[in-house]
Amino acid sequence: MKNLFERTSSNWVRYSEYEWRAAEDGTLYLTPTKTAQPSIYDPLAEYQ
């Protein structure tokens, strides 16, 4: 996975809370909640 992101230069954002939401056609989407707080993170530094 490290090689996949090795040359990325953009900031990554993640949220404190997520929820599944269903579209009218039944497709599920994972979206941040209305009260979620965004934070910037580095996927290489936090890779497990």
PDB file of N, CA and C in Angstrom:
ATOM      1  N   MET A   1       0.821  -1.191   0.000  1.00  0.00           N
ATOM      2  CA  MET A   1       0.000   0.000   0.000  1.00  0.00           C
ATOM      3  C   MET A   1       0.868   1.258   0.000  1.00  0.00           C
ATOM      4  N   LYS A   2       2.032   1.195   0.605  1.00  0.00           N
ATOM      5  CA  LYS A   2       2.895   2.367   0.640  1.00  0.00           C
ATOM      6  C   LYS A   2       3.196   2.867  -0.771  1.00  0.00           C
ATOM      7  N   ASN A   3       3.487   1.984  -1.696  1.00  0.00           N
ATOM      8  CA  ASN A   3       3.803   2.390  -3.063  1.00  0.00           C
ATOM      9  C   ASN A   3       2.633   3.083  -3.750  1.00  0.00           C
ATOM     10  N   LEU A   4       1.421   2.736  -3.381  1.00  0.00           N
ATOM     11  CA  LEU A   4       0.238   3.333  -3.980  1.00  0.00           C
ATOM     12  C   LEU A   4       0.158   4.833  -3.686  1.00  0.00           C
ATOM     13  N   PHE A   5       0.533   5.241  -2.477  1.00  0.00           N
ATOM     14  CA  PHE A   5       0.419   6.639  -2.067  1.00  0.00           C
ATOM     15  C   PHE A   5       1.764   7.359  -1.990  1.00  0.00           C
ATOM     16  N   GLU A   6       2.810   6.717  -2.417  1.00  0.00           N
ATOM     17  CA  GLU A   6       4.159   7.235  -2.240  1.00  0.00           C
ATOM     18  C   GLU A   6       4.365   8.630  -2.840  1.00  0.00           C
ATOM     19  N   ARG A   7       3.741   8.915  -3.961  1.00  0.00           N
ATOM     20  CA  ARG A   7       3.980  10.197  -4.636  1.00  0.00           C
ATOM     21  C   ARG A   7       2.796  11.151  -4.552  1.00  0.00           C
ATOM     22  N   THR A   8       1.904  10.914  -3.658  1.00  0.00           N
ATOM     23  CA  THR A   8       0.758  11.800  -3.511  1.00  0.00           C
ATOM     24  C   THR A   8       1.175  13.082  -2.799  1.00  0.00           C
ATOM     25  N   SER A   9       0.590  14.189  -3.196  1.00  0.00           N
ATOM     26  CA  SER A   9       0.946  15.459  -2.571  1.00  0.00           C
ATOM     27  C   SER A   9      -0.282  16.212  -2.068  1.00  0.00           C
ATOM     28  N   SER A  10      -1.432  15.604  -2.131  1.00  0.00           N
ATOM     29  CA  SER A  10      -2.640  16.272  -1.668  1.00  0.00           C
ATOM     30  C   SER A  10      -2.915  15.933  -0.210  1.00  0.00           C
ATOM     31  N   ASN A  11      -3.699  16.796   0.424  1.00  0.00           N
ATOM     32  CA  ASN A  11      -4.115  16.531   1.799  1.00  0.00           C
ATOM     33  C   ASN A  11      -5.287  15.559   1.779  1.00  0.00           C
ATOM     34  N   TRP A  12      -5.333  14.700   2.778  1.00  0.00           N
ATOM     35  CA  TRP A  12      -6.425  13.753   2.924  1.00  0.00           C
ATOM     36  C   TRP A  12      -7.267  14.195   4.114  1.00  0.00           C
ATOM     37  N   VAL A  13      -8.566  14.075   3.970  1.00  0.00           N
ATOM     38  CA  VAL A  13      -9.476  14.471   5.044  1.00  0.00           C
ATOM     39  C   VAL A  13     -10.243  13.251   5.509  1.00  0.00           C
ATOM     40  N   ARG A  14     -10.397  13.136   6.811  1.00  0.00           N
ATOM     41  CA  ARG A  14     -11.298  12.115   7.346  1.00  0.00           C
ATOM     42  C   ARG A  14     -12.178  12.786   8.385  1.00  0.00           C
ATOM     43  N   TYR A  15     -13.307  12.190   8.637  1.00  0.00           N
ATOM     44  CA  TYR A  15     -14.285  12.764   9.553  1.00  0.00           C
ATOM     45  C   TYR A  15     -14.380  11.925  10.816  1.00  0.00           C
ATOM     46  N   SER A  16     -14.862  12.550  11.876  1.00  0.00           N
ATOM     47  CA  SER A  16     -14.960  11.872  13.165  1.00  0.00           C
ATOM     48  C   SER A  16     -16.096  10.854  13.207  1.00  0.00           C
ATOM     49  N   GLU A  17     -17.127  11.039  12.399  1.00  0.00           N
ATOM     50  CA  GLU A  17     -18.283  10.130  12.404  1.00  0.00           C
ATOM     51  C   GLU A  17     -18.831   9.953  10.984  1.00  0.00           C
ATOM     52  N   TYR A  18     -19.283   8.742  10.709  1.00  0.00           N
ATOM     53  CA  TYR A  18     -19.885   8.438   9.403  1.00  0.00           C
ATOM     54  C   TYR A  18     -21.219   7.725   9.613  1.00  0.00           C
ATOM     55  N   GLU A  19     -22.051   7.751   8.572  1.00  0.00           N
ATOM     56  CA  GLU A  19     -23.307   7.011   8.597  1.00  0.00           C
ATOM     57  C   GLU A  19     -23.587   6.475   7.197  1.00  0.00           C
ATOM     58  N   TRP A  20     -24.322   5.370   7.135  1.00  0.00           N
ATOM     59  CA  TRP A  20     -24.756   4.823   5.849  1.00  0.00           C
ATOM     60  C   TRP A  20     -26.057   5.503   5.472  1.00  0.00           C
ATOM     61  N   ARG A  21     -26.150   5.951   4.223  1.00  0.00           N
ATOM     62  CA  ARG A  21     -27.377   6.562   3.725  1.00  0.00           C
ATOM     63  C   ARG A  21     -27.788   5.839   2.452  1.00  0.00           C
ATOM     64  N   ALA A  22     -29.082   5.588   2.321  1.00  0.00           N
ATOM     65  CA  ALA A  22     -29.602   4.874   1.155  1.00  0.00           C
ATOM     66  C   ALA A  22     -30.200   5.861   0.159  1.00  0.00           C
ATOM     67  N   ALA A  23     -29.854   5.699  -1.101  1.00  0.00           N
ATOM     68  CA  ALA A  23     -30.444   6.495  -2.177  1.00  0.00           C
ATOM     69  C   ALA A  23     -31.794   5.885  -2.545  1.00  0.00           C
ATOM     70  N   GLU A  24     -32.543   6.575  -3.356  1.00  0.00           N
ATOM     71  CA  GLU A  24     -33.862   6.084  -3.761  1.00  0.00           C
ATOM     72  C   GLU A  24     -33.790   4.746  -4.475  1.00  0.00           C
ATOM     73  N   ASP A  25     -32.683   4.488  -5.161  1.00  0.00           N
ATOM     74  CA  ASP A  25     -32.546   3.213  -5.877  1.00  0.00           C
ATOM     75  C   ASP A  25     -31.992   2.095  -4.993  1.00  0.00           C
ATOM     76  N   GLY A  26     -31.774   2.388  -3.708  1.00  0.00           N
ATOM     77  CA  GLY A  26     -31.279   1.377  -2.780  1.00  0.00           C
ATOM     78  C   GLY A  26     -29.769   1.346  -2.621  1.00  0.00           C
ATOM     79  N   THR A  27     -29.052   2.134  -3.406  1.00  0.00           N
ATOM     80  CA  THR A  27     -27.594   2.188  -3.287  1.00  0.00           C
ATOM     81  C   THR A  27     -27.211   2.819  -1.956  1.00  0.00           C
ATOM     82  N   LEU A  28     -26.283   2.186  -1.242  1.00  0.00           N
ATOM     83  CA  LEU A  28     -25.824   2.721   0.037  1.00  0.00           C
ATOM     84  C   LEU A  28     -24.579   3.571  -0.156  1.00  0.00           C
ATOM     85  N   TYR A  29     -24.536   4.684   0.549  1.00  0.00           N
ATOM     86  CA  TYR A  29     -23.390   5.586   0.521  1.00  0.00           C
ATOM     87  C   TYR A  29     -22.936   5.844   1.948  1.00  0.00           C
ATOM     88  N   LEU A  30     -21.640   5.832   2.153  1.00  0.00           N
ATOM     89  CA  LEU A  30     -21.063   6.155   3.453  1.00  0.00           C
ATOM     90  C   LEU A  30     -20.738   7.644   3.445  1.00  0.00           C
ATOM     91  N   THR A  31     -21.406   8.410   4.315  1.00  0.00           N
ATOM     92  CA  THR A  31     -21.238   9.861   4.324  1.00  0.00           C
ATOM     93  C   THR A  31     -20.945  10.347   5.739  1.00  0.00           C
ATOM     94  N   PRO A  32     -20.288  11.496   5.873  1.00  0.00           N
ATOM     95  CA  PRO A  32     -20.075  12.062   7.206  1.00  0.00           C
ATOM     96  C   PRO A  32     -21.413  12.494   7.803  1.00  0.00           C
ATOM     97  N   THR A  33     -21.542  12.396   9.108  1.00  0.00           N
ATOM     98  CA  THR A  33     -22.754  12.878   9.769  1.00  0.00           C
ATOM     99  C   THR A  33     -22.754  14.402   9.763  1.00  0.00           C
ATOM    100  N   LYS A  34     -23.895  14.996  10.080  1.00  0.00           N
ATOM    101  CA  LYS A  34     -23.994  16.459  10.108  1.00  0.00           C
ATOM    102  C   LYS A  34     -23.108  17.065  11.188  1.00  0.00           C
ATOM    103  N   THR A  35     -22.846  16.331  12.260  1.00  0.00           N
ATOM    104  CA  THR A  35     -22.031  16.855  13.361  1.00  0.00           C
ATOM    105  C   THR A  35     -20.572  16.413  13.288  1.00  0.00           C
ATOM    106  N   ALA A  36     -20.199  15.683  12.250  1.00  0.00           N
ATOM    107  CA  ALA A  36     -18.826  15.174  12.121  1.00  0.00           C
ATOM    108  C   ALA A  36     -17.830  16.316  11.965  1.00  0.00           C
ATOM    109  N   GLN A  37     -16.672  16.139  12.570  1.00  0.00           N
ATOM    110  CA  GLN A  37     -15.595  17.123  12.482  1.00  0.00           C
ATOM    111  C   GLN A  37     -14.528  16.619  11.517  1.00  0.00           C
ATOM    112  N   PRO A  38     -14.147  17.423  10.529  1.00  0.00           N
ATOM    113  CA  PRO A  38     -13.092  16.999   9.606  1.00  0.00           C
ATOM    114  C   PRO A  38     -11.711  17.180  10.222  1.00  0.00           C
ATOM    115  N   SER A  39     -10.782  16.342   9.814  1.00  0.00           N
ATOM    116  CA  SER A  39      -9.383  16.500  10.213  1.00  0.00           C
ATOM    117  C   SER A  39      -8.507  16.016   9.064  1.00  0.00           C
ATOM    118  N   ILE A  40      -7.347  16.612   8.941  1.00  0.00           N
ATOM    119  CA  ILE A  40      -6.397  16.231   7.897  1.00  0.00           C
ATOM    120  C   ILE A  40      -5.493  15.146   8.454  1.00  0.00           C
ATOM    121  N   TYR A  41      -5.206  14.146   7.642  1.00  0.00           N
ATOM    122  CA  TYR A  41      -4.305  13.083   8.078  1.00  0.00           C
ATOM    123  C   TYR A  41      -3.433  12.620   6.924  1.00  0.00           C
ATOM    124  N   ASP A  42      -2.380  11.932   7.274  1.00  0.00           N
ATOM    125  CA  ASP A  42      -1.416  11.410   6.308  1.00  0.00           C
ATOM    126  C   ASP A  42      -1.561   9.894   6.282  1.00  0.00           C
ATOM    127  N   PRO A  43      -2.081   9.316   5.190  1.00  0.00           N
ATOM    128  CA  PRO A  43      -2.291   7.868   5.160  1.00  0.00           C
ATOM    129  C   PRO A  43      -0.992   7.067   5.262  1.00  0.00           C
ATOM    130  N   LEU A  44       0.129   7.633   4.851  1.00  0.00           N
ATOM    131  CA  LEU A  44       1.399   6.917   4.974  1.00  0.00           C
ATOM    132  C   LEU A  44       1.854   6.836   6.418  1.00  0.00           C
ATOM    133  N   ALA A  45       1.662   7.902   7.168  1.00  0.00           N
ATOM    134  CA  ALA A  45       2.081   7.917   8.567  1.00  0.00           C
ATOM    135  C   ALA A  45       1.186   7.027   9.425  1.00  0.00           C
ATOM    136  N   GLU A  46      -0.076   6.872   9.027  1.00  0.00           N
ATOM    137  CA  GLU A  46      -1.027   6.110   9.833  1.00  0.00           C
ATOM    138  C   GLU A  46      -1.341   4.738   9.256  1.00  0.00           C
ATOM    139  N   TYR A  47      -0.587   4.325   8.247  1.00  0.00           N
ATOM    140  CA  TYR A  47      -0.800   3.014   7.629  1.00  0.00           C
ATOM    141  C   TYR A  47      -0.516   1.903   8.627  1.00  0.00           C
ATOM    142  N   GLN A  48      -1.388   0.890   8.638  1.00  0.00           N
ATOM    143  CA  GLN A  48      -1.217  -0.243   9.561  1.00  0.00           C
ATOM    144  C   GLN A  48      -0.926  -1.492   8.787  1.00  0.00           C
TER     145      GLN A  48
END
